[in-house]
Amino acid sequence: RWSGDLTYFADSVKGRFAISRDNAKNTVYLQMNSLKPEDTAVYY
């Protein structure tokens, strides 16, 4: 949900990626940690 709750993650990124939100900027972030070569892609 755009408000930041009720999140789902693909199994391939679960535990490594997280979603957060800056309400003041109405911006959503995808924090990607422990990146692997197989994460290489264009992200949309």
PDB file of all heavy atoms in Angstrom:
ATOM      1  N   ARG A   1       0.845  -1.184   0.000  1.00  0.00           N
ATOM      2  CA  ARG A   1       0.000   0.000   0.000  1.00  0.00           C
ATOM      3  C   ARG A   1       0.885   1.239   0.000  1.00  0.00           C
ATOM      4  O   ARG A   1       1.953   1.248   0.619  1.00  0.00           O
ATOM      5  CB  ARG A   1      -0.895  -0.033   1.249  1.00  0.00           C
ATOM      6  CG  ARG A   1      -2.230   0.650   1.018  1.00  0.00           C
ATOM      7  CD  ARG A   1      -3.101   0.733   2.256  1.00  0.00           C
ATOM      8  NE  ARG A   1      -2.985  -0.305   3.212  1.00  0.00           N
ATOM      9  CZ  ARG A   1      -3.948  -1.171   3.501  1.00  0.00           C
ATOM     10  NH1 ARG A   1      -5.086  -1.137   2.831  1.00  0.00           N
ATOM     11  NH2 ARG A   1      -3.780  -2.077   4.447  1.00  0.00           N
ATOM     12  N   TRP A   2       0.486   2.298  -0.686  1.00  0.00           N
ATOM     13  CA  TRP A   2       1.334   3.486  -0.802  1.00  0.00           C
ATOM     14  C   TRP A   2       1.600   4.109   0.558  1.00  0.00           C
ATOM     15  O   TRP A   2       2.611   4.770   0.760  1.00  0.00           O
ATOM     16  CB  TRP A   2       0.676   4.510  -1.726  1.00  0.00           C
ATOM     17  CG  TRP A   2       1.641   5.547  -2.198  1.00  0.00           C
ATOM     18  CD1 TRP A   2       1.790   6.818  -1.734  1.00  0.00           C
ATOM     19  CD2 TRP A   2       2.623   5.397  -3.235  1.00  0.00           C
ATOM     20  NE1 TRP A   2       2.809   7.449  -2.417  1.00  0.00           N
ATOM     21  CE2 TRP A   2       3.335   6.617  -3.331  1.00  0.00           C
ATOM     22  CE3 TRP A   2       2.976   4.338  -4.073  1.00  0.00           C
ATOM     23  CZ2 TRP A   2       4.364   6.813  -4.248  1.00  0.00           C
ATOM     24  CZ3 TRP A   2       4.009   4.544  -4.980  1.00  0.00           C
ATOM     25  CH2 TRP A   2       4.681   5.756  -5.060  1.00  0.00           C
ATOM     26  N   SER A   3       0.714   3.885   1.516  1.00  0.00           N
ATOM     27  CA  SER A   3       0.911   4.425   2.863  1.00  0.00           C
ATOM     28  C   SER A   3       2.073   3.758   3.575  1.00  0.00           C
ATOM     29  O   SER A   3       2.554   4.243   4.604  1.00  0.00           O
ATOM     30  CB  SER A   3      -0.359   4.248   3.695  1.00  0.00           C
ATOM     31  OG  SER A   3      -0.688   2.872   3.791  1.00  0.00           O
ATOM     32  N   GLY A   4       2.539   2.628   3.062  1.00  0.00           N
ATOM     33  CA  GLY A   4       3.726   1.993   3.626  1.00  0.00           C
ATOM     34  C   GLY A   4       3.480   0.675   4.337  1.00  0.00           C
ATOM     35  O   GLY A   4       4.426  -0.034   4.670  1.00  0.00           O
ATOM     36  N   ASP A   5       2.235   0.334   4.557  1.00  0.00           N
ATOM     37  CA  ASP A   5       1.981  -0.940   5.225  1.00  0.00           C
ATOM     38  C   ASP A   5       1.580  -1.993   4.200  1.00  0.00           C
ATOM     39  O   ASP A   5       1.437  -1.735   3.043  1.00  0.00           O
ATOM     40  CB  ASP A   5       0.896  -0.761   6.289  1.00  0.00           C
ATOM     41  CG  ASP A   5      -0.411  -0.256   5.699  1.00  0.00           C
ATOM     42  OD1 ASP A   5      -0.428   0.097   4.502  1.00  0.00           O
ATOM     43  OD2 ASP A   5      -1.408  -0.188   6.421  1.00  0.00           O
ATOM     44  N   LEU A   6       1.388  -3.177   4.696  1.00  0.00           N
ATOM     45  CA  LEU A   6       0.980  -4.301   3.851  1.00  0.00           C
ATOM     46  C   LEU A   6       1.946  -4.478   2.693  1.00  0.00           C
ATOM     47  O   LEU A   6       1.632  -4.173   1.533  1.00  0.00           O
ATOM     48  CB  LEU A   6      -0.447  -4.116   3.314  1.00  0.00           C
ATOM     49  CG  LEU A   6      -1.028  -5.345   2.610  1.00  0.00           C
ATOM     50  CD1 LEU A   6      -1.179  -6.492   3.584  1.00  0.00           C
ATOM     51  CD2 LEU A   6      -2.376  -5.003   1.970  1.00  0.00           C
ATOM     52  N   THR A   7       3.156  -4.911   3.001  1.00  0.00           N
ATOM     53  CA  THR A   7       4.171  -5.083   1.960  1.00  0.00           C
ATOM     54  C   THR A   7       4.388  -6.556   1.630  1.00  0.00           C
ATOM     55  O   THR A   7       4.236  -7.430   2.487  1.00  0.00           O
ATOM     56  CB  THR A   7       5.513  -4.469   2.392  1.00  0.00           C
ATOM     57  OG1 THR A   7       5.893  -5.016   3.658  1.00  0.00           O
ATOM     58  CG2 THR A   7       5.402  -2.963   2.500  1.00  0.00           C
ATOM     59  N   TYR A   8       4.741  -6.791   0.388  1.00  0.00           N
ATOM     60  CA  TYR A   8       5.080  -8.128  -0.093  1.00  0.00           C
ATOM     61  C   TYR A   8       6.442  -8.047  -0.776  1.00  0.00           C
ATOM     62  O   TYR A   8       6.782  -7.032  -1.376  1.00  0.00           O
ATOM     63  CB  TYR A   8       4.065  -8.622  -1.123  1.00  0.00           C
ATOM     64  CG  TYR A   8       2.655  -8.800  -0.620  1.00  0.00           C
ATOM     65  CD1 TYR A   8       1.656  -7.916  -0.991  1.00  0.00           C
ATOM     66  CD2 TYR A   8       2.314  -9.876   0.197  1.00  0.00           C
ATOM     67  CE1 TYR A   8       0.354  -8.087  -0.555  1.00  0.00           C
ATOM     68  CE2 TYR A   8       1.019 -10.054   0.631  1.00  0.00           C
ATOM     69  CZ  TYR A   8       0.036  -9.158   0.257  1.00  0.00           C
ATOM     70  OH  TYR A   8      -1.247  -9.334   0.678  1.00  0.00           O
ATOM     71  N   PHE A   9       7.178  -9.130  -0.698  1.00  0.00           N
ATOM     72  CA  PHE A   9       8.476  -9.192  -1.347  1.00  0.00           C
ATOM     73  C   PHE A   9       8.614 -10.518  -2.082  1.00  0.00           C
ATOM     74  O   PHE A   9       8.123 -11.554  -1.635  1.00  0.00           O
ATOM     75  CB  PHE A   9       9.609  -9.075  -0.322  1.00  0.00           C
ATOM     76  CG  PHE A   9       9.663  -7.742   0.371  1.00  0.00           C
ATOM     77  CD1 PHE A   9       8.955  -7.517   1.536  1.00  0.00           C
ATOM     78  CD2 PHE A   9      10.407  -6.704  -0.167  1.00  0.00           C
ATOM     79  CE1 PHE A   9       8.986  -6.283   2.167  1.00  0.00           C
ATOM     80  CE2 PHE A   9      10.450  -5.464   0.452  1.00  0.00           C
ATOM     81  CZ  PHE A   9       9.736  -5.256   1.621  1.00  0.00           C
ATOM     82  N   ALA A  10       9.309 -10.485  -3.201  1.00  0.00           N
ATOM     83  CA  ALA A  10       9.634 -11.720  -3.900  1.00  0.00           C
ATOM     84  C   ALA A  10      10.573 -12.542  -3.028  1.00  0.00           C
ATOM     85  O   ALA A  10      11.379 -11.989  -2.267  1.00  0.00           O
ATOM     86  CB  ALA A  10      10.296 -11.398  -5.240  1.00  0.00           C
ATOM     87  N   ASP A  11      10.481 -13.845  -3.138  1.00  0.00           N
ATOM     88  CA  ASP A  11      11.324 -14.715  -2.318  1.00  0.00           C
ATOM     89  C   ASP A  11      12.804 -14.427  -2.539  1.00  0.00           C
ATOM     90  O   ASP A  11      13.619 -14.539  -1.621  1.00  0.00           O
ATOM     91  CB  ASP A  11      11.021 -16.185  -2.637  1.00  0.00           C
ATOM     92  CG  ASP A  11       9.672 -16.633  -2.111  1.00  0.00           C
ATOM     93  OD1 ASP A  11       9.117 -15.946  -1.222  1.00  0.00           O
ATOM     94  OD2 ASP A  11       9.171 -17.672  -2.582  1.00  0.00           O
ATOM     95  N   SER A  12      13.150 -14.028  -3.757  1.00  0.00           N
ATOM     96  CA  SER A  12      14.551 -13.814  -4.093  1.00  0.00           C
ATOM     97  C   SER A  12      15.162 -12.603  -3.377  1.00  0.00           C
ATOM     98  O   SER A  12      16.394 -12.489  -3.299  1.00  0.00           O
ATOM     99  CB  SER A  12      14.701 -13.645  -5.605  1.00  0.00           C
ATOM    100  OG  SER A  12      13.922 -12.550  -6.059  1.00  0.00           O
ATOM    101  N   VAL A  13      14.328 -11.710  -2.860  1.00  0.00           N
ATOM    102  CA  VAL A  13      14.856 -10.512  -2.203  1.00  0.00           C
ATOM    103  C   VAL A  13      14.433 -10.416  -0.745  1.00  0.00           C
ATOM    104  O   VAL A  13      14.869  -9.508  -0.031  1.00  0.00           O
ATOM    105  CB  VAL A  13      14.415  -9.229  -2.949  1.00  0.00           C
ATOM    106  CG1 VAL A  13      14.799  -9.305  -4.415  1.00  0.00           C
ATOM    107  CG2 VAL A  13      12.936  -8.971  -2.773  1.00  0.00           C
ATOM    108  N   LYS A  14      13.584 -11.325  -0.302  1.00  0.00           N
ATOM    109  CA  LYS A  14      13.078 -11.287   1.064  1.00  0.00           C
ATOM    110  C   LYS A  14      14.228 -11.347   2.064  1.00  0.00           C
ATOM    111  O   LYS A  14      15.140 -12.160   1.940  1.00  0.00           O
ATOM    112  CB  LYS A  14      12.111 -12.454   1.274  1.00  0.00           C
ATOM    113  CG  LYS A  14      11.124 -12.275   2.398  1.00  0.00           C
ATOM    114  CD  LYS A  14      10.065 -13.369   2.362  1.00  0.00           C
ATOM    115  CE  LYS A  14       9.186 -13.260   1.141  1.00  0.00           C
ATOM    116  NZ  LYS A  14       8.114 -14.290   1.137  1.00  0.00           N
ATOM    117  N   GLY A  15      14.190 -10.450   3.029  1.00  0.00           N
ATOM    118  CA  GLY A  15      15.246 -10.384   4.026  1.00  0.00           C
ATOM    119  C   GLY A  15      16.400  -9.480   3.635  1.00  0.00           C
ATOM    120  O   GLY A  15      17.229  -9.129   4.479  1.00  0.00           O
ATOM    121  N   ARG A  16      16.473  -9.098   2.362  1.00  0.00           N
ATOM    122  CA  ARG A  16      17.546  -8.216   1.886  1.00  0.00           C
ATOM    123  C   ARG A  16      17.022  -6.849   1.471  1.00  0.00           C
ATOM    124  O   ARG A  16      17.734  -5.848   1.605  1.00  0.00           O
ATOM    125  CB  ARG A  16      18.273  -8.861   0.697  1.00  0.00           C
ATOM    126  CG  ARG A  16      18.908 -10.196   1.008  1.00  0.00           C
ATOM    127  CD  ARG A  16      19.767 -10.691  -0.163  1.00  0.00           C
ATOM    128  NE  ARG A  16      18.992 -10.929  -1.375  1.00  0.00           N
ATOM    129  CZ  ARG A  16      19.230 -10.319  -2.529  1.00  0.00           C
ATOM    130  NH1 ARG A  16      20.202  -9.435  -2.651  1.00  0.00           N
ATOM    131  NH2 ARG A  16      18.488 -10.612  -3.603  1.00  0.00           N
ATOM    132  N   PHE A  17      15.813  -6.800   0.957  1.00  0.00           N
ATOM    133  CA  PHE A  17      15.216  -5.548   0.492  1.00  0.00           C
ATOM    134  C   PHE A  17      14.129  -5.097   1.454  1.00  0.00           C
ATOM    135  O   PHE A  17      13.478  -5.919   2.110  1.00  0.00           O
ATOM    136  CB  PHE A  17      14.606  -5.731  -0.895  1.00  0.00           C
ATOM    137  CG  PHE A  17      15.596  -5.933  -2.024  1.00  0.00           C
ATOM    138  CD1 PHE A  17      16.939  -6.209  -1.775  1.00  0.00           C
ATOM    139  CD2 PHE A  17      15.176  -5.848  -3.339  1.00  0.00           C
ATOM    140  CE1 PHE A  17      17.838  -6.402  -2.815  1.00  0.00           C
ATOM    141  CE2 PHE A  17      16.053  -6.039  -4.384  1.00  0.00           C
ATOM    142  CZ  PHE A  17      17.382  -6.314  -4.120  1.00  0.00           C
ATOM    143  N   ALA A  18      13.907  -3.797   1.507  1.00  0.00           N
ATOM    144  CA  ALA A  18      12.859  -3.248   2.358  1.00  0.00           C
ATOM    145  C   ALA A  18      12.243  -2.027   1.678  1.00  0.00           C
ATOM    146  O   ALA A  18      12.909  -1.349   0.881  1.00  0.00           O
ATOM    147  CB  ALA A  18      13.413  -2.863   3.726  1.00  0.00           C
ATOM    148  N   ILE A  19      11.005  -1.758   1.999  1.00  0.00           N
ATOM    149  CA  ILE A  19      10.308  -0.581   1.486  1.00  0.00           C
ATOM    150  C   ILE A  19      10.121   0.404   2.614  1.00  0.00           C
ATOM    151  O   ILE A  19       9.749   0.027   3.728  1.00  0.00           O
ATOM    152  CB  ILE A  19       8.940  -0.970   0.890  1.00  0.00           C
ATOM    153  CG1 ILE A  19       9.123  -1.791  -0.393  1.00  0.00           C
ATOM    154  CG2 ILE A  19       8.115   0.280   0.579  1.00  0.00           C
ATOM    155  CD1 ILE A  19       7.805  -2.274  -0.992  1.00  0.00           C
ATOM    156  N   SER A  20      10.367   1.665   2.333  1.00  0.00           N
ATOM    157  CA  SER A  20      10.097   2.713   3.310  1.00  0.00           C
ATOM    158  C   SER A  20       9.486   3.909   2.594  1.00  0.00           C
ATOM    159  O   SER A  20       9.417   3.937   1.364  1.00  0.00           O
ATOM    160  CB  SER A  20      11.372   3.125   4.045  1.00  0.00           C
ATOM    161  OG  SER A  20      12.318   3.666   3.136  1.00  0.00           O
ATOM    162  N   ARG A  21       9.042   4.879   3.372  1.00  0.00           N
ATOM    163  CA  ARG A  21       8.304   5.997   2.791  1.00  0.00           C
ATOM    164  C   ARG A  21       8.646   7.275   3.539  1.00  0.00           C
ATOM    165  O   ARG A  21       8.797   7.272   4.757  1.00  0.00           O
ATOM    166  CB  ARG A  21       6.810   5.707   2.886  1.00  0.00           C
ATOM    167  CG  ARG A  21       5.898   6.856   2.529  1.00  0.00           C
ATOM    168  CD  ARG A  21       4.449   6.471   2.749  1.00  0.00           C
ATOM    169  NE  ARG A  21       3.577   7.620   2.668  1.00  0.00           N
ATOM    170  CZ  ARG A  21       3.099   8.115   1.540  1.00  0.00           C
ATOM    171  NH1 ARG A  21       3.407   7.544   0.406  1.00  0.00           N
ATOM    172  NH2 ARG A  21       2.308   9.163   1.542  1.00  0.00           N
ATOM    173  N   ASP A  22       8.770   8.358   2.796  1.00  0.00           N
ATOM    174  CA  ASP A  22       8.925   9.684   3.382  1.00  0.00           C
ATOM    175  C   ASP A  22       7.620  10.426   3.122  1.00  0.00           C
ATOM    176  O   ASP A  22       7.342  10.838   1.998  1.00  0.00           O
ATOM    177  CB  ASP A  22      10.112  10.411   2.727  1.00  0.00           C
ATOM    178  CG  ASP A  22      10.377  11.767   3.352  1.00  0.00           C
ATOM    179  OD1 ASP A  22       9.429  12.422   3.837  1.00  0.00           O
ATOM    180  OD2 ASP A  22      11.547  12.190   3.338  1.00  0.00           O
ATOM    181  N   ASN A  23       6.820  10.568   4.156  1.00  0.00           N
ATOM    182  CA  ASN A  23       5.503  11.175   3.978  1.00  0.00           C
ATOM    183  C   ASN A  23       5.591  12.626   3.522  1.00  0.00           C
ATOM    184  O   ASN A  23       4.768  13.083   2.734  1.00  0.00           O
ATOM    185  CB  ASN A  23       4.711  11.090   5.276  1.00  0.00           C
ATOM    186  CG  ASN A  23       4.282   9.673   5.595  1.00  0.00           C
ATOM    187  OD1 ASN A  23       3.968   8.899   4.703  1.00  0.00           O
ATOM    188  ND2 ASN A  23       4.281   9.322   6.866  1.00  0.00           N
ATOM    189  N   ALA A  24       6.576  13.348   4.022  1.00  0.00           N
ATOM    190  CA  ALA A  24       6.712  14.748   3.658  1.00  0.00           C
ATOM    191  C   ALA A  24       6.983  14.916   2.162  1.00  0.00           C
ATOM    192  O   ALA A  24       6.532  15.876   1.547  1.00  0.00           O
ATOM    193  CB  ALA A  24       7.837  15.385   4.475  1.00  0.00           C
ATOM    194  N   LYS A  25       7.708  13.981   1.608  1.00  0.00           N
ATOM    195  CA  LYS A  25       8.049  14.045   0.189  1.00  0.00           C
ATOM    196  C   LYS A  25       7.137  13.167  -0.660  1.00  0.00           C
ATOM    197  O   LYS A  25       7.248  13.172  -1.882  1.00  0.00           O
ATOM    198  CB  LYS A  25       9.502  13.616  -0.025  1.00  0.00           C
ATOM    199  CG  LYS A  25      10.528  14.511   0.659  1.00  0.00           C
ATOM    200  CD  LYS A  25      11.947  14.015   0.384  1.00  0.00           C
ATOM    201  CE  LYS A  25      12.976  14.896   1.064  1.00  0.00           C
ATOM    202  NZ  LYS A  25      14.366  14.423   0.825  1.00  0.00           N
ATOM    203  N   ASN A  26       6.256  12.410  -0.008  1.00  0.00           N
ATOM    204  CA  ASN A  26       5.388  11.464  -0.708  1.00  0.00           C
ATOM    205  C   ASN A  26       6.210  10.551  -1.621  1.00  0.00           C
ATOM    206  O   ASN A  26       5.818  10.245  -2.737  1.00  0.00           O
ATOM    207  CB  ASN A  26       4.321  12.195  -1.540  1.00  0.00           C
ATOM    208  CG  ASN A  26       3.181  11.279  -1.942  1.00  0.00           C
ATOM    209  OD1 ASN A  26       2.880  10.314  -1.251  1.00  0.00           O
ATOM    210  ND2 ASN A  26       2.559  11.571  -3.070  1.00  0.00           N
ATOM    211  N   THR A  27       7.349  10.156  -1.119  1.00  0.00           N
ATOM    212  CA  THR A  27       8.296   9.343  -1.887  1.00  0.00           C
ATOM    213  C   THR A  27       8.446   7.983  -1.231  1.00  0.00           C
ATOM    214  O   THR A  27       8.492   7.883  -0.008  1.00  0.00           O
ATOM    215  CB  THR A  27       9.665  10.040  -1.968  1.00  0.00           C
ATOM    216  OG1 THR A  27       9.516  11.265  -2.690  1.00  0.00           O
ATOM    217  CG2 THR A  27      10.699   9.160  -2.667  1.00  0.00           C
ATOM    218  N   VAL A  28       8.524   6.967  -2.061  1.00  0.00           N
ATOM    219  CA  VAL A  28       8.722   5.605  -1.593  1.00  0.00           C
ATOM    220  C   VAL A  28      10.124   5.161  -1.961  1.00  0.00           C
ATOM    221  O   VAL A  28      10.632   5.494  -3.036  1.00  0.00           O
ATOM    222  CB  VAL A  28       7.674   4.662  -2.213  1.00  0.00           C
ATOM    223  CG1 VAL A  28       7.992   3.213  -1.893  1.00  0.00           C
ATOM    224  CG2 VAL A  28       6.289   5.007  -1.698  1.00  0.00           C
ATOM    225  N   TYR A  29      10.740   4.409  -1.068  1.00  0.00           N
ATOM    226  CA  TYR A  29      12.108   3.962  -1.276  1.00  0.00           C
ATOM    227  C   TYR A  29      12.178   2.432  -1.275  1.00  0.00           C
ATOM    228  O   TYR A  29      11.439   1.768  -0.554  1.00  0.00           O
ATOM    229  CB  TYR A  29      13.021   4.487  -0.166  1.00  0.00           C
ATOM    230  CG  TYR A  29      13.025   5.986  -0.047  1.00  0.00           C
ATOM    231  CD1 TYR A  29      12.212   6.629   0.885  1.00  0.00           C
ATOM    232  CD2 TYR A  29      13.830   6.763  -0.876  1.00  0.00           C
ATOM    233  CE1 TYR A  29      12.202   8.004   0.983  1.00  0.00           C
ATOM    234  CE2 TYR A  29      13.833   8.142  -0.774  1.00  0.00           C
ATOM    235  CZ  TYR A  29      13.012   8.762   0.153  1.00  0.00           C
ATOM    236  OH  TYR A  29      13.007  10.123   0.255  1.00  0.00           O
ATOM    237  N   LEU A  30      13.086   1.919  -2.064  1.00  0.00           N
ATOM    238  CA  LEU A  30      13.416   0.498  -2.026  1.00  0.00           C
ATOM    239  C   LEU A  30      14.858   0.389  -1.552  1.00  0.00           C
ATOM    240  O   LEU A  30      15.788   0.736  -2.292  1.00  0.00           O
ATOM    241  CB  LEU A  30      13.260  -0.149  -3.401  1.00  0.00           C
ATOM    242  CG  LEU A  30      13.573  -1.648  -3.447  1.00  0.00           C
ATOM    243  CD1 LEU A  30      12.523  -2.435  -2.658  1.00  0.00           C
ATOM    244  CD2 LEU A  30      13.624  -2.145  -4.895  1.00  0.00           C
ATOM    245  N   GLN A  31      15.038  -0.021  -0.321  1.00  0.00           N
ATOM    246  CA  GLN A  31      16.372  -0.210   0.240  1.00  0.00           C
ATOM    247  C   GLN A  31      16.848  -1.609  -0.104  1.00  0.00           C
ATOM    248  O   GLN A  31      16.196  -2.596   0.249  1.00  0.00           O
ATOM    249  CB  GLN A  31      16.337  -0.028   1.764  1.00  0.00           C
ATOM    250  CG  GLN A  31      17.673  -0.254   2.437  1.00  0.00           C
ATOM    251  CD  GLN A  31      18.708   0.798   2.066  1.00  0.00           C
ATOM    252  OE1 GLN A  31      18.407   1.988   2.030  1.00  0.00           O
ATOM    253  NE2 GLN A  31      19.931   0.360   1.789  1.00  0.00           N
ATOM    254  N   MET A  32      17.963  -1.691  -0.789  1.00  0.00           N
ATOM    255  CA  MET A  32      18.477  -2.977  -1.240  1.00  0.00           C
ATOM    256  C   MET A  32      19.825  -3.238  -0.568  1.00  0.00           C
ATOM    257  O   MET A  32      20.781  -2.492  -0.782  1.00  0.00           O
ATOM    258  CB  MET A  32      18.637  -2.972  -2.768  1.00  0.00           C
ATOM    259  CG  MET A  32      17.370  -2.579  -3.514  1.00  0.00           C
ATOM    260  SD  MET A  32      17.509  -2.728  -5.303  1.00  0.00           S
ATOM    261  CE  MET A  32      18.757  -1.490  -5.633  1.00  0.00           C
ATOM    262  N   ASN A  33      19.873  -4.260   0.242  1.00  0.00           N
ATOM    263  CA  ASN A  33      21.088  -4.633   0.960  1.00  0.00           C
ATOM    264  C   ASN A  33      21.585  -5.995   0.497  1.00  0.00           C
ATOM    265  O   ASN A  33      20.850  -6.752  -0.138  1.00  0.00           O
ATOM    266  CB  ASN A  33      20.799  -4.669   2.464  1.00  0.00           C
ATOM    267  CG  ASN A  33      20.338  -3.344   3.015  1.00  0.00           C
ATOM    268  OD1 ASN A  33      20.800  -2.276   2.591  1.00  0.00           O
ATOM    269  ND2 ASN A  33      19.410  -3.388   3.958  1.00  0.00           N
ATOM    270  N   SER A  34      22.814  -6.283   0.830  1.00  0.00           N
ATOM    271  CA  SER A  34      23.418  -7.578   0.477  1.00  0.00           C
ATOM    272  C   SER A  34      23.186  -7.915  -0.993  1.00  0.00           C
ATOM    273  O   SER A  34      22.766  -9.019  -1.340  1.00  0.00           O
ATOM    274  CB  SER A  34      22.838  -8.689   1.366  1.00  0.00           C
ATOM    275  OG  SER A  34      23.064  -8.412   2.737  1.00  0.00           O
ATOM    276  N   LEU A  35      23.468  -6.953  -1.844  1.00  0.00           N
ATOM    277  CA  LEU A  35      23.190  -7.127  -3.265  1.00  0.00           C
ATOM    278  C   LEU A  35      24.052  -8.220  -3.878  1.00  0.00           C
ATOM    279  O   LEU A  35      25.208  -8.421  -3.474  1.00  0.00           O
ATOM    280  CB  LEU A  35      23.404  -5.798  -4.001  1.00  0.00           C
ATOM    281  CG  LEU A  35      22.251  -4.798  -3.803  1.00  0.00           C
ATOM    282  CD1 LEU A  35      22.682  -3.392  -4.172  1.00  0.00           C
ATOM    283  CD2 LEU A  35      21.042  -5.213  -4.628  1.00  0.00           C
ATOM    284  N   LYS A  36      23.456  -8.900  -4.842  1.00  0.00           N
ATOM    285  CA  LYS A  36      24.110  -9.997  -5.541  1.00  0.00           C
ATOM    286  C   LYS A  36      24.176  -9.672  -7.039  1.00  0.00           C
ATOM    287  O   LYS A  36      23.349  -8.906  -7.539  1.00  0.00           O
ATOM    288  CB  LYS A  36      23.308 -11.290  -5.345  1.00  0.00           C
ATOM    289  CG  LYS A  36      23.053 -11.661  -3.898  1.00  0.00           C
ATOM    290  CD  LYS A  36      22.144 -12.877  -3.810  1.00  0.00           C
ATOM    291  CE  LYS A  36      21.853 -13.253  -2.361  1.00  0.00           C
ATOM    292  NZ  LYS A  36      20.941 -14.435  -2.277  1.00  0.00           N
ATOM    293  N   PRO A  37      25.106 -10.268  -7.754  1.00  0.00           N
ATOM    294  CA  PRO A  37      25.166 -10.025  -9.208  1.00  0.00           C
ATOM    295  C   PRO A  37      23.842 -10.320  -9.908  1.00  0.00           C
ATOM    296  O   PRO A  37      23.492  -9.637 -10.877  1.00  0.00           O
ATOM    297  CB  PRO A  37      26.286 -10.957  -9.663  1.00  0.00           C
ATOM    298  CG  PRO A  37      27.176 -11.075  -8.474  1.00  0.00           C
ATOM    299  CD  PRO A  37      26.256 -11.060  -7.292  1.00  0.00           C
ATOM    300  N   GLU A  38      23.111 -11.285  -9.412  1.00  0.00           N
ATOM    301  CA  GLU A  38      21.823 -11.633 -10.033  1.00  0.00           C
ATOM    302  C   GLU A  38      20.744 -10.583  -9.791  1.00  0.00           C
ATOM    303  O   GLU A  38      19.657 -10.671 -10.358  1.00  0.00           O
ATOM    304  CB  GLU A  38      21.328 -13.004  -9.569  1.00  0.00           C
ATOM    305  CG  GLU A  38      21.323 -13.206  -8.071  1.00  0.00           C
ATOM    306  CD  GLU A  38      22.564 -13.927  -7.589  1.00  0.00           C
ATOM    307  OE1 GLU A  38      23.684 -13.587  -8.035  1.00  0.00           O
ATOM    308  OE2 GLU A  38      22.414 -14.825  -6.719  1.00  0.00           O
ATOM    309  N   ASP A  39      21.031  -9.588  -8.972  1.00  0.00           N
ATOM    310  CA  ASP A  39      20.104  -8.467  -8.788  1.00  0.00           C
ATOM    311  C   ASP A  39      20.265  -7.421  -9.887  1.00  0.00           C
ATOM    312  O   ASP A  39      19.477  -6.468  -9.953  1.00  0.00           O
ATOM    313  CB  ASP A  39      20.328  -7.802  -7.431  1.00  0.00           C
ATOM    314  CG  ASP A  39      19.971  -8.701  -6.264  1.00  0.00           C
ATOM    315  OD1 ASP A  39      18.947  -9.401  -6.336  1.00  0.00           O
ATOM    316  OD2 ASP A  39      20.722  -8.690  -5.260  1.00  0.00           O
ATOM    317  N   THR A  40      21.256  -7.585 -10.737  1.00  0.00           N
ATOM    318  CA  THR A  40      21.488  -6.635 -11.822  1.00  0.00           C
ATOM    319  C   THR A  40      20.299  -6.600 -12.774  1.00  0.00           C
ATOM    320  O   THR A  40      19.854  -7.634 -13.277  1.00  0.00           O
ATOM    321  CB  THR A  40      22.762  -7.021 -12.600  1.00  0.00           C
ATOM    322  OG1 THR A  40      23.895  -6.889 -11.737  1.00  0.00           O
ATOM    323  CG2 THR A  40      22.939  -6.132 -13.819  1.00  0.00           C
ATOM    324  N   ALA A  41      19.764  -5.406 -12.987  1.00  0.00           N
ATOM    325  CA  ALA A  41      18.581  -5.237 -13.830  1.00  0.00           C
ATOM    326  C   ALA A  41      18.225  -3.765 -13.894  1.00  0.00           C
ATOM    327  O   ALA A  41      18.778  -2.942 -13.151  1.00  0.00           O
ATOM    328  CB  ALA A  41      17.399  -6.029 -13.265  1.00  0.00           C
ATOM    329  N   VAL A  42      17.284  -3.449 -14.759  1.00  0.00           N
ATOM    330  CA  VAL A  42      16.640  -2.139 -14.716  1.00  0.00           C
ATOM    331  C   VAL A  42      15.466  -2.269 -13.750  1.00  0.00           C
ATOM    332  O   VAL A  42      14.641  -3.174 -13.892  1.00  0.00           O
ATOM    333  CB  VAL A  42      16.147  -1.697 -16.109  1.00  0.00           C
ATOM    334  CG1 VAL A  42      15.415  -0.369 -15.999  1.00  0.00           C
ATOM    335  CG2 VAL A  42      17.329  -1.584 -17.070  1.00  0.00           C
ATOM    336  N   TYR A  43      15.418  -1.385 -12.790  1.00  0.00           N
ATOM    337  CA  TYR A  43      14.373  -1.416 -11.779  1.00  0.00           C
ATOM    338  C   TYR A  43      13.319  -0.355 -12.097  1.00  0.00           C
ATOM    339  O   TYR A  43      13.644   0.803 -12.392  1.00  0.00           O
ATOM    340  CB  TYR A  43      14.968  -1.168 -10.393  1.00  0.00           C
ATOM    341  CG  TYR A  43      15.651  -2.397  -9.837  1.00  0.00           C
ATOM    342  CD1 TYR A  43      16.846  -2.848 -10.388  1.00  0.00           C
ATOM    343  CD2 TYR A  43      15.105  -3.113  -8.781  1.00  0.00           C
ATOM    344  CE1 TYR A  43      17.471  -3.986  -9.894  1.00  0.00           C
ATOM    345  CE2 TYR A  43      15.721  -4.249  -8.278  1.00  0.00           C
ATOM    346  CZ  TYR A  43      16.907  -4.679  -8.849  1.00  0.00           C
ATOM    347  OH  TYR A  43      17.522  -5.811  -8.356  1.00  0.00           O
ATOM    348  N   TYR A  44      12.054  -0.770 -12.006  1.00  0.00           N
ATOM    349  CA  TYR A  44      10.933   0.105 -12.321  1.00  0.00           C
ATOM    350  C   TYR A  44      10.038   0.280 -11.104  1.00  0.00           C
ATOM    351  O   TYR A  44       9.726  -0.682 -10.403  1.00  0.00           O
ATOM    352  CB  TYR A  44      10.098  -0.490 -13.446  1.00  0.00           C
ATOM    353  CG  TYR A  44      10.819  -0.607 -14.766  1.00  0.00           C
ATOM    354  CD1 TYR A  44      11.525  -1.757 -15.089  1.00  0.00           C
ATOM    355  CD2 TYR A  44      10.780   0.427 -15.693  1.00  0.00           C
ATOM    356  CE1 TYR A  44      12.185  -1.878 -16.297  1.00  0.00           C
ATOM    357  CE2 TYR A  44      11.437   0.324 -16.911  1.00  0.00           C
ATOM    358  CZ  TYR A  44      12.140  -0.833 -17.191  1.00  0.00           C
ATOM    359  OH  TYR A  44      12.797  -0.939 -18.399  1.00  0.00           O
TER     360      TYR A  44
END
